[in-house]
Amino acid sequence: MRHFRIFLLFILSVLYVLPSSSASAASASKPIRVYKEAFPAKIVFLHDHHLWFINGNQAGAAPAQLTKNGFAQIVGWSPSGKWLAYLFSEKEDYENVKELWVVNPKTNKSYLIEKRVNVIDAHRSELPAWSTTSDTLAYMTSYRGQKNMEKASEDRISLKIATMEQERSVISPVLIEKENMEDFAWTPDGKSLTVSYARTENNPMKVENVALDGESTLLFSIPKEEVPGIEGMEQRSVVGMKWSPDGRYLAYFLHPNSGSTSADLNTIEVINMQTKKRIRLGSGLKYAEWFAWSPDSMKLAYIDGEGREATENKRLYLFDVKAEETIVHADQKGQADTHPVWTTEASSKLLFTRGPASDLFGKKDWSPLQNRRIWIRTQDGQEKAFTSASTRTSDYNAVSQVNGKGVIFLRVTLDKQPFGSVYYQSFTASKPVEWVRGVDCEIGYYGSFLPASFAVYQGK
């Protein structure tokens, strides 16, 4: 019966993803810049699965189309704001091998970085990632998912970097065809990589620091270990790694050796890198985007709760490094929380999405995803809803304005056909301002709204 339910849940997830392909058609034949005055942001977004760009710094600048065929997935802006990385596939097929591209939205010139990249979907963690300090993009390549490849090659993965110099990319190998390499993350200084390896019969799970020339140093290892509460199931690897800004703590998920189980639960831990003490925080879905370290590195906000549905049994918790055994439960009964992000000012506030807990299973409409708002939690623990709108809409993917004055977010209308707009709301205003209309409403895996269908660079 459990396997039958899992199968039905998979079918339901497909139903919740596919309608988003017509989202932009429901809003407009082309995306629209609603706010004509200048605003301090450059935005790349998806419309009908194609990339579009709008330069908010130029008053009245119209949206410009960057891709005109296939299916794009946004990776993100480089630190300088000159480059935008994205994945491209000719058709919407999760088994289709993707290409990795970088585009200069200002000149609309694109550069192919890699034809063969690891098969990635919305609930995998090993997306390409920019360095935090330079226009250097790290990514993994493998033969997974490709036909006519020898089995011996399937688990051999390479880690590479592409450094953007003027109008070209310089690609360098970091680790080539390593067995059981699982995931990576940039260190806070953006000068080296943290790489994880899966456990094998003869070797433990391990996490290494890897310099860009490939020299590796062991950070920590985890011996054979069972998944808490599930007899006979073992932990396989460390994934979804997120460093605290000061580099003292590393948050991560322990991925069990079952893909089906991993879609419902993964052990959440942090490790104190000075003492090598591991601290178990709970269990949840392996979205690194649902880890949020405060700017001062003193608190980790994360989403706890088992089950693959983002609309049910998802709770906002906080880990305080001052008392390593203390976990603050910041959830509300009857509500589901997702997408935590901190504001940037010294006394930073926590933003997150909250809405009624709702079971997606068996529903034939969009109602379980409706009526979700951006909330604010202050340093003293006070919480309140920040945005408000019709119950048929929801607000997701909050981005803190770098000057700490407001929030950029996606508002989606979940009616007969879903569609979205990028909005901005200052902390002193009672209503938001619509910036761009006609943004794809990507529901994601079981309502995760990941990866985001827009990316913001706040600079010139």
Protein backbone atom coordinates (compact mmCIF):
# COMPACT_ATOMS: atom_id res chain seq x y z
CA MET A 1 0.00 0.00 0.00
CA ARG A 2 2.89 2.38 0.83
CA HIS A 3 4.49 1.77 -2.59
CA PHE A 4 1.13 2.42 -4.31
CA ARG A 5 0.77 5.72 -2.42
CA ILE A 6 4.30 6.76 -3.40
CA PHE A 7 3.46 6.02 -7.04
CA LEU A 8 0.30 8.14 -6.83
CA LEU A 9 2.24 10.95 -5.18
CA PHE A 10 4.73 10.86 -8.06
CA ILE A 11 1.90 11.14 -10.59
CA LEU A 12 0.49 14.06 -8.59
CA SER A 13 3.86 15.83 -8.61
CA VAL A 14 3.93 15.64 -12.40
CA LEU A 15 0.45 17.13 -12.54
CA TYR A 16 1.56 20.00 -10.32
CA VAL A 17 4.64 20.75 -12.45
CA LEU A 18 3.32 20.53 -16.00
CA PRO A 19 0.64 23.29 -15.84
CA SER A 20 3.33 25.86 -15.11
CA SER A 21 4.45 25.65 -18.76
CA SER A 22 1.42 27.72 -19.73
CA ALA A 23 1.77 30.19 -16.88
CA SER A 24 3.09 33.07 -18.94
CA ALA A 25 0.46 32.53 -21.63
CA ALA A 26 -2.15 33.07 -18.95
CA SER A 27 -0.67 36.43 -17.95
CA ALA A 28 0.42 37.95 -21.27
CA SER A 29 1.79 37.02 -24.68
CA LYS A 30 4.97 38.79 -23.60
CA PRO A 31 6.22 39.83 -20.16
CA ILE A 32 5.47 43.40 -19.14
CA ARG A 33 7.44 45.97 -17.19
CA VAL A 34 4.67 47.37 -15.00
CA TYR A 35 6.74 49.87 -12.99
CA LYS A 36 8.20 52.33 -15.50
CA GLU A 37 10.41 54.33 -13.13
CA ALA A 38 13.93 53.16 -12.29
CA PHE A 39 14.35 50.56 -9.54
CA PRO A 40 17.66 49.27 -8.10
CA ALA A 41 17.77 45.76 -9.54
CA LYS A 42 18.66 43.78 -12.65
CA ILE A 43 16.31 40.82 -13.01
CA VAL A 44 16.58 37.70 -15.13
CA PHE A 45 13.40 35.65 -15.19
CA LEU A 46 11.65 32.82 -17.03
CA HIS A 47 8.72 33.43 -19.34
CA ASP A 48 7.35 30.43 -21.24
CA HIS A 49 10.56 28.61 -20.16
CA HIS A 50 12.77 31.17 -21.95
CA LEU A 51 15.17 33.60 -20.29
CA TRP A 52 14.27 37.28 -20.23
CA PHE A 53 16.19 40.23 -18.81
CA ILE A 54 15.10 43.61 -17.51
CA ASN A 55 17.45 46.36 -16.32
CA GLY A 56 15.55 48.17 -13.61
CA ASN A 57 18.29 50.78 -13.26
CA GLN A 58 17.16 52.26 -16.59
CA ALA A 59 13.74 53.86 -16.38
CA GLY A 60 11.37 52.39 -18.92
CA ALA A 61 13.81 49.74 -20.20
CA ALA A 62 11.69 46.96 -21.71
CA PRO A 63 12.17 43.22 -21.05
CA ALA A 64 14.67 41.64 -23.49
CA GLN A 65 14.49 37.99 -24.53
CA LEU A 66 17.76 36.04 -24.05
CA THR A 67 16.78 32.53 -25.23
CA LYS A 68 14.26 31.63 -27.90
CA ASN A 69 13.98 27.84 -27.89
CA GLY A 70 14.24 24.86 -25.57
CA PHE A 71 13.94 25.03 -21.80
CA ALA A 72 16.10 27.17 -19.52
CA GLN A 73 16.74 26.84 -15.80
CA ILE A 74 18.32 29.72 -13.88
CA VAL A 75 21.52 29.02 -11.92
CA GLY A 76 22.28 32.58 -10.81
CA TRP A 77 24.20 35.83 -11.17
CA SER A 78 27.97 36.08 -10.84
CA PRO A 79 29.26 38.31 -7.99
CA SER A 80 30.06 41.16 -10.41
CA GLY A 81 26.58 41.10 -11.95
CA LYS A 82 28.06 40.79 -15.45
CA TRP A 83 27.18 37.14 -16.01
CA LEU A 84 24.16 34.92 -15.56
CA ALA A 85 24.56 31.13 -15.57
CA TYR A 86 21.78 28.86 -16.74
CA LEU A 87 21.08 25.28 -17.76
CA PHE A 88 19.57 24.52 -21.14
CA SER A 89 17.84 21.46 -22.57
CA GLU A 90 16.17 21.02 -25.93
CA LYS A 91 13.06 19.49 -24.42
CA GLU A 92 11.41 19.21 -21.01
CA ASP A 93 12.69 15.78 -20.10
CA TYR A 94 14.28 14.97 -16.75
CA GLU A 95 16.38 12.28 -18.43
CA ASN A 96 17.69 14.75 -21.01
CA VAL A 97 21.34 15.74 -20.63
CA LYS A 98 21.61 19.48 -20.03
CA GLU A 99 24.05 22.10 -21.28
CA LEU A 100 25.61 24.75 -19.06
CA TRP A 101 25.66 28.29 -20.47
CA VAL A 102 26.72 31.73 -19.30
CA VAL A 103 25.16 34.88 -20.77
CA ASN A 104 26.02 38.56 -20.52
CA PRO A 105 22.49 40.01 -20.35
CA LYS A 106 23.73 43.51 -21.23
CA THR A 107 25.15 42.41 -24.59
CA ASN A 108 22.92 39.32 -24.98
CA LYS A 109 25.99 37.20 -25.80
CA SER A 110 25.95 33.59 -24.56
CA TYR A 111 28.86 31.21 -24.05
CA LEU A 112 28.58 27.41 -23.90
CA ILE A 113 30.51 26.17 -20.87
CA GLU A 114 29.74 22.45 -20.92
CA LYS A 115 27.69 20.17 -23.13
CA ARG A 116 27.62 17.32 -20.64
CA VAL A 117 26.46 18.24 -17.15
CA ASN A 118 25.08 16.00 -14.49
CA VAL A 119 21.38 15.20 -14.78
CA ILE A 120 19.79 17.74 -12.44
CA ASP A 121 16.21 18.28 -11.38
CA ALA A 122 14.58 20.62 -8.92
CA HIS A 123 15.15 18.49 -5.82
CA ARG A 124 18.83 17.69 -6.38
CA SER A 125 21.50 19.71 -4.60
CA GLU A 126 24.50 19.64 -6.93
CA LEU A 127 23.63 22.62 -9.13
CA PRO A 128 26.49 24.67 -10.57
CA ALA A 129 27.46 27.54 -8.27
CA TRP A 130 29.35 30.81 -8.54
CA SER A 131 32.18 31.63 -6.18
CA THR A 132 31.10 34.10 -3.52
CA THR A 133 33.94 36.49 -4.43
CA SER A 134 34.83 36.08 -8.13
CA ASP A 135 33.25 35.34 -11.50
CA THR A 136 34.25 31.69 -11.28
CA LEU A 137 31.61 29.01 -11.78
CA ALA A 138 32.02 25.51 -10.32
CA TYR A 139 30.07 22.57 -11.71
CA MET A 140 29.99 18.78 -11.83
CA THR A 141 29.91 16.59 -14.91
CA SER A 142 29.10 12.91 -15.18
CA TYR A 143 27.78 10.21 -17.47
CA ARG A 144 24.68 9.62 -15.35
CA GLY A 145 21.57 9.40 -17.47
CA GLN A 146 23.43 9.08 -20.74
CA LYS A 147 22.78 6.12 -22.99
CA ASN A 148 25.41 3.66 -24.22
CA MET A 149 27.83 4.40 -21.39
CA GLU A 150 29.69 1.69 -19.55
CA LYS A 151 28.46 1.09 -16.02
CA ALA A 152 32.01 1.58 -14.76
CA SER A 153 31.81 5.22 -15.88
CA GLU A 154 28.40 6.02 -14.39
CA ASP A 155 29.64 6.91 -10.91
CA ARG A 156 32.79 8.71 -12.04
CA ILE A 157 32.20 12.42 -11.60
CA SER A 158 34.40 15.39 -12.44
CA LEU A 159 34.45 18.80 -10.78
CA LYS A 160 35.45 21.78 -12.94
CA ILE A 161 35.58 25.56 -12.77
CA ALA A 162 34.93 28.11 -15.50
CA THR A 163 36.51 31.52 -14.92
CA MET A 164 35.01 34.35 -16.94
CA GLU A 165 37.72 36.63 -18.34
CA GLN A 166 36.60 39.55 -20.50
CA GLU A 167 34.42 37.91 -23.16
CA ARG A 168 35.57 34.30 -22.80
CA SER A 169 35.63 31.46 -20.30
CA VAL A 170 38.71 29.61 -19.08
CA ILE A 171 37.77 26.08 -18.02
CA SER A 172 40.00 24.20 -15.57
CA PRO A 173 39.59 20.72 -14.10
CA VAL A 174 39.68 20.47 -10.32
CA LEU A 175 38.89 16.77 -9.79
CA ILE A 176 38.60 14.39 -12.75
CA GLU A 177 36.48 11.20 -12.83
CA LYS A 178 36.44 10.59 -9.10
CA GLU A 179 34.43 7.65 -7.82
CA ASN A 180 31.50 8.33 -5.47
CA MET A 181 31.89 12.13 -5.48
CA GLU A 182 28.50 13.37 -4.34
CA ASP A 183 28.20 17.14 -3.85
CA PHE A 184 30.15 20.37 -3.46
CA ALA A 185 29.91 23.89 -2.04
CA TRP A 186 32.13 26.97 -2.12
CA THR A 187 33.89 27.94 1.09
CA PRO A 188 32.94 31.39 2.46
CA ASP A 189 36.07 33.07 1.03
CA GLY A 190 35.23 31.78 -2.46
CA LYS A 191 38.76 30.45 -2.96
CA SER A 192 38.28 26.70 -2.44
CA LEU A 193 35.59 24.03 -2.56
CA THR A 194 34.07 21.67 -0.03
CA VAL A 195 33.48 18.26 -1.61
CA SER A 196 31.61 15.24 -0.23
CA TYR A 197 32.01 11.55 -1.06
CA ALA A 198 29.49 8.77 -0.54
CA ARG A 199 30.17 5.87 1.81
CA THR A 200 31.32 2.60 0.25
CA GLU A 201 31.83 -0.86 1.65
CA ASN A 202 35.43 -0.01 2.52
CA ASN A 203 35.32 3.76 3.08
CA PRO A 204 33.28 6.09 5.31
CA MET A 205 31.37 9.16 4.18
CA LYS A 206 33.88 11.97 3.95
CA VAL A 207 34.04 15.70 3.34
CA GLU A 208 37.20 17.35 2.00
CA ASN A 209 38.48 20.85 1.37
CA VAL A 210 39.67 21.04 -2.23
CA ALA A 211 41.86 23.85 -3.55
CA LEU A 212 41.22 24.96 -7.11
CA ASP A 213 44.38 23.12 -8.20
CA GLY A 214 42.86 19.86 -6.91
CA GLU A 215 44.84 19.48 -3.69
CA SER A 216 42.57 17.92 -1.07
CA THR A 217 42.52 17.93 2.73
CA LEU A 218 40.13 15.85 4.85
CA LEU A 219 37.73 17.97 6.92
CA PHE A 220 35.79 15.14 8.58
CA SER A 221 34.45 11.65 7.98
CA ILE A 222 31.38 9.77 9.20
CA PRO A 223 31.53 5.99 9.71
CA LYS A 224 28.77 3.53 8.93
CA GLU A 225 25.57 4.83 10.52
CA GLU A 226 21.88 3.94 10.44
CA VAL A 227 19.13 6.41 9.58
CA PRO A 228 17.49 7.40 12.89
CA GLY A 229 14.19 5.59 13.39
CA ILE A 230 14.52 3.32 10.34
CA GLU A 231 16.04 -0.03 11.20
CA GLY A 232 18.31 -1.47 8.55
CA MET A 233 18.58 1.72 6.45
CA GLU A 234 21.96 3.42 6.35
CA GLN A 235 23.20 6.93 5.69
CA ARG A 236 24.98 7.26 2.34
CA SER A 237 26.43 10.76 1.91
CA VAL A 238 26.63 14.39 2.99
CA VAL A 239 24.71 16.74 0.65
CA GLY A 240 23.25 20.26 0.55
CA MET A 241 26.20 21.79 2.42
CA LYS A 242 25.92 25.41 3.62
CA TRP A 243 28.75 27.19 5.48
CA SER A 244 28.19 29.82 8.13
CA PRO A 245 29.69 33.12 6.88
CA ASP A 246 32.56 32.91 9.39
CA GLY A 247 33.43 29.34 8.34
CA ARG A 248 33.03 27.89 11.87
CA TYR A 249 29.98 25.72 11.18
CA LEU A 250 28.80 23.62 8.26
CA ALA A 251 25.13 22.68 7.89
CA TYR A 252 24.21 19.69 5.74
CA PHE A 253 21.88 16.76 5.13
CA LEU A 254 22.69 13.10 5.53
CA HIS A 255 21.31 11.38 2.45
CA PRO A 256 20.02 7.81 3.12
CA ASN A 257 20.82 4.96 0.74
CA SER A 258 17.28 5.01 -0.68
CA GLY A 259 16.12 7.52 -3.27
CA SER A 260 12.47 7.12 -2.28
CA THR A 261 13.20 7.65 1.42
CA SER A 262 15.43 10.60 0.61
CA ALA A 263 12.51 12.32 -1.13
CA ASP A 264 10.69 12.29 2.24
CA LEU A 265 13.37 12.71 4.88
CA ASN A 266 17.06 13.43 5.35
CA THR A 267 18.84 13.91 8.67
CA ILE A 268 19.75 17.58 9.28
CA GLU A 269 23.03 18.27 11.08
CA VAL A 270 25.62 20.96 11.69
CA ILE A 271 29.23 20.34 12.57
CA ASN A 272 31.44 22.64 14.63
CA MET A 273 34.59 22.67 12.50
CA GLN A 274 36.78 23.65 15.45
CA THR A 275 35.72 20.81 17.74
CA LYS A 276 34.41 18.44 15.00
CA LYS A 277 31.28 18.00 17.12
CA ARG A 278 28.26 16.92 15.06
CA ILE A 279 24.88 18.22 16.23
CA ARG A 280 21.67 16.65 14.98
CA LEU A 281 18.96 19.25 14.29
CA GLY A 282 16.11 17.11 12.95
CA SER A 283 15.10 15.79 9.54
CA GLY A 284 13.66 17.32 6.41
CA LEU A 285 13.88 17.78 2.66
CA LYS A 286 17.34 18.22 1.16
CA TYR A 287 16.96 21.78 -0.12
CA ALA A 288 20.11 23.76 0.64
CA GLU A 289 17.96 26.83 -0.13
CA TRP A 290 16.08 26.07 3.09
CA PHE A 291 19.24 26.64 5.13
CA ALA A 292 19.77 30.32 6.04
CA TRP A 293 22.69 31.50 8.19
CA SER A 294 22.31 34.92 9.79
CA PRO A 295 24.87 37.50 8.57
CA ASP A 296 26.66 37.38 11.94
CA SER A 297 26.88 33.53 11.79
CA MET A 298 25.12 33.21 15.14
CA LYS A 299 21.89 31.53 13.97
CA LEU A 300 20.86 28.97 11.40
CA ALA A 301 17.25 29.07 10.24
CA TYR A 302 16.07 25.83 8.65
CA ILE A 303 12.91 23.93 7.77
CA ASP A 304 12.25 20.75 9.74
CA GLY A 305 9.66 18.14 8.85
CA GLU A 306 9.33 14.87 6.99
CA GLY A 307 7.22 14.19 3.89
CA ARG A 308 7.93 15.43 0.38
CA GLU A 309 5.04 17.91 0.27
CA ALA A 310 6.19 21.48 0.94
CA THR A 311 2.68 22.39 2.11
CA GLU A 312 2.46 20.06 5.09
CA ASN A 313 4.51 19.25 8.19
CA LYS A 314 7.14 21.92 7.48
CA ARG A 315 8.29 23.93 10.48
CA LEU A 316 10.66 26.87 10.93
CA TYR A 317 13.37 26.10 13.49
CA LEU A 318 16.47 28.04 14.54
CA PHE A 319 19.81 26.74 15.79
CA ASP A 320 21.73 29.14 18.05
CA VAL A 321 25.51 28.66 18.09
CA LYS A 322 25.79 30.27 21.54
CA ALA A 323 24.12 27.19 23.00
CA GLU A 324 24.78 24.31 20.64
CA GLU A 325 22.12 22.08 22.11
CA THR A 326 19.38 24.75 21.84
CA ILE A 327 16.84 24.61 19.02
CA VAL A 328 14.18 27.33 18.89
CA HIS A 329 10.82 26.18 17.53
CA ALA A 330 9.48 29.14 15.55
CA ASP A 331 6.57 27.38 13.87
CA GLN A 332 2.82 27.88 14.30
CA LYS A 333 0.23 25.13 14.72
CA GLY A 334 -1.72 24.48 11.54
CA GLN A 335 0.79 26.35 9.35
CA ALA A 336 3.57 25.25 6.98
CA ASP A 337 6.83 27.20 6.64
CA THR A 338 9.38 27.37 3.79
CA HIS A 339 12.06 29.60 2.22
CA PRO A 340 13.87 31.27 5.15
CA VAL A 341 16.18 34.21 4.32
CA TRP A 342 17.81 36.87 6.50
CA THR A 343 17.84 40.59 5.82
CA THR A 344 21.25 42.22 5.51
CA GLU A 345 21.29 44.95 8.16
CA ALA A 346 23.16 44.57 11.47
CA SER A 347 20.00 43.74 13.45
CA SER A 348 18.87 41.37 10.72
CA LYS A 349 15.33 40.05 10.53
CA LEU A 350 14.26 36.64 9.28
CA LEU A 351 11.93 36.42 6.29
CA PHE A 352 10.07 33.23 5.41
CA THR A 353 6.95 31.98 3.63
CA ARG A 354 4.06 30.71 5.78
CA GLY A 355 0.60 29.41 4.89
CA PRO A 356 -2.06 26.91 5.93
CA ALA A 357 -0.85 23.33 6.26
CA SER A 358 -2.46 21.45 3.40
CA ASP A 359 -2.21 17.95 1.93
CA LEU A 360 -1.46 17.96 -1.81
CA PHE A 361 -2.38 14.30 -2.18
CA GLY A 362 -5.64 13.76 -4.04
CA LYS A 363 -6.30 17.45 -4.75
CA LYS A 364 -7.27 18.37 -8.33
CA ASP A 365 -6.89 22.14 -8.04
CA TRP A 366 -4.36 24.68 -6.81
CA SER A 367 -6.02 25.33 -3.45
CA PRO A 368 -3.35 23.60 -1.31
CA LEU A 369 -0.77 26.10 -2.62
CA GLN A 370 -2.84 29.23 -2.08
CA ASN A 371 -2.83 31.91 0.63
CA ARG A 372 0.89 31.86 1.56
CA ARG A 373 2.53 35.09 2.65
CA ILE A 374 5.97 36.46 3.48
CA TRP A 375 6.39 36.69 7.25
CA ILE A 376 8.95 38.53 9.39
CA ARG A 377 10.60 37.34 12.61
CA THR A 378 12.59 39.94 14.56
CA GLN A 379 15.60 39.35 16.81
CA ASP A 380 13.36 39.28 19.90
CA GLY A 381 11.21 36.49 18.42
CA GLN A 382 8.22 38.60 17.40
CA GLU A 383 6.51 37.35 14.22
CA LYS A 384 3.97 38.93 11.88
CA ALA A 385 2.75 38.60 8.30
CA PHE A 386 4.55 41.14 6.10
CA THR A 387 2.59 40.77 2.85
CA SER A 388 -1.16 40.45 2.33
CA ALA A 389 -3.30 39.76 -0.73
CA SER A 390 -6.18 37.66 -2.09
CA THR A 391 -6.35 34.12 -0.72
CA ARG A 392 -6.02 32.85 -4.31
CA THR A 393 -2.44 34.17 -4.43
CA SER A 394 0.79 33.19 -2.70
CA ASP A 395 4.15 34.92 -2.12
CA TYR A 396 7.44 33.04 -2.49
CA ASN A 397 11.20 33.34 -3.02
CA ALA A 398 11.81 36.44 -0.88
CA VAL A 399 15.01 38.39 -1.67
CA SER A 400 16.20 40.92 0.89
CA GLN A 401 17.06 44.33 -0.52
CA VAL A 402 20.79 44.89 0.09
CA ASN A 403 20.17 48.21 1.87
CA GLY A 404 17.79 46.46 4.27
CA LYS A 405 14.84 48.65 3.27
CA GLY A 406 12.53 46.08 1.73
CA VAL A 407 11.85 42.74 0.07
CA ILE A 408 11.65 41.54 -3.55
CA PHE A 409 9.45 38.48 -4.06
CA LEU A 410 7.39 36.43 -6.49
CA ARG A 411 3.61 36.70 -6.20
CA VAL A 412 1.76 33.90 -7.97
CA THR A 413 -1.93 33.79 -8.82
CA LEU A 414 -3.14 30.21 -8.39
CA ASP A 415 -6.42 30.07 -10.20
CA LYS A 416 -7.40 28.22 -13.38
CA GLN A 417 -3.93 28.85 -14.78
CA PRO A 418 -1.10 30.02 -12.49
CA PHE A 419 1.07 33.00 -13.39
CA GLY A 420 3.47 35.23 -11.49
CA SER A 421 4.85 38.73 -11.06
CA VAL A 422 7.95 40.13 -9.35
CA TYR A 423 6.94 42.58 -6.62
CA TYR A 424 8.79 44.89 -4.26
CA GLN A 425 7.60 46.04 -0.84
CA SER A 426 9.48 48.33 1.52
CA PHE A 427 9.31 47.77 5.27
CA THR A 428 7.58 51.13 5.67
CA ALA A 429 4.85 50.52 3.04
CA SER A 430 1.54 48.76 3.51
CA LYS A 431 1.31 47.53 -0.09
CA PRO A 432 3.82 46.17 -2.61
CA VAL A 433 4.71 47.57 -6.03
CA GLU A 434 4.50 45.29 -9.06
CA TRP A 435 7.72 45.51 -11.07
CA VAL A 436 7.44 42.79 -13.74
CA ARG A 437 4.43 40.74 -14.88
CA GLY A 438 4.49 37.48 -16.83
CA VAL A 439 6.99 35.41 -14.84
CA ASP A 440 6.68 31.63 -15.07
CA CYS A 441 5.06 30.07 -12.03
CA GLU A 442 7.31 27.06 -11.44
CA ILE A 443 5.57 24.97 -8.76
CA GLY A 444 8.65 22.79 -8.31
CA TYR A 445 8.79 19.39 -6.69
CA TYR A 446 5.64 18.89 -4.57
CA GLY A 447 5.13 22.64 -4.19
CA SER A 448 8.70 23.59 -3.28
CA PHE A 449 8.79 26.54 -5.73
CA LEU A 450 12.42 25.61 -6.42
CA PRO A 451 14.46 26.47 -8.29
CA ALA A 452 13.22 30.06 -8.36
CA SER A 453 11.98 31.35 -11.73
CA PHE A 454 13.75 34.71 -11.30
CA ALA A 455 17.13 35.96 -10.06
CA VAL A 456 18.00 39.46 -8.86
CA TYR A 457 21.29 41.37 -9.00
CA GLN A 458 21.18 44.53 -6.91
CA GLY A 459 23.76 46.78 -8.48
CA LYS A 460 24.53 48.76 -11.61
